[in-house]
Amino acid sequence: MSTFLNLLKGLFLFFCVPYFVWKQKKTTV
């Protein structure tokens, strides 16, 4: 179960971090 949660956390970071960076860039530009 903990491995599944780690995988979920990894996917969350993998998708959310670039999205937030892109959002910040879009607002600043």
Protein backbone atom coordinates (compact mmCIF):
# COMPACT_ATOMS: atom_id res chain seq x y z
CA MET A 1 0.00 0.00 0.00
CA SER A 2 2.80 2.43 0.85
CA THR A 3 4.41 1.76 -2.54
CA PHE A 4 1.11 2.69 -4.20
CA LEU A 5 0.98 5.94 -2.22
CA ASN A 6 4.58 6.70 -3.19
CA LEU A 7 3.71 6.09 -6.84
CA LEU A 8 0.71 8.39 -6.53
CA LYS A 9 2.82 11.09 -4.89
CA GLY A 10 5.41 10.73 -7.64
CA LEU A 11 2.79 11.06 -10.36
CA PHE A 12 1.24 14.05 -8.58
CA LEU A 13 4.58 15.85 -8.42
CA PHE A 14 5.45 14.81 -11.99
CA PHE A 15 2.26 16.39 -13.35
CA CYS A 16 1.65 19.28 -10.95
CA VAL A 17 5.12 20.81 -10.73
CA PRO A 18 5.44 21.47 -14.51
CA TYR A 19 1.83 22.72 -14.55
CA PHE A 20 2.45 25.23 -11.77
CA VAL A 21 5.72 26.37 -13.38
CA TRP A 22 3.90 26.84 -16.70
CA LYS A 23 1.10 28.71 -14.96
CA GLN A 24 3.59 31.03 -13.25
CA LYS A 25 5.38 31.68 -16.54
CA LYS A 26 2.06 32.39 -18.25
CA THR A 27 1.05 34.93 -15.61
CA THR A 28 4.43 36.68 -15.51
CA VAL A 29 4.80 36.94 -19.29
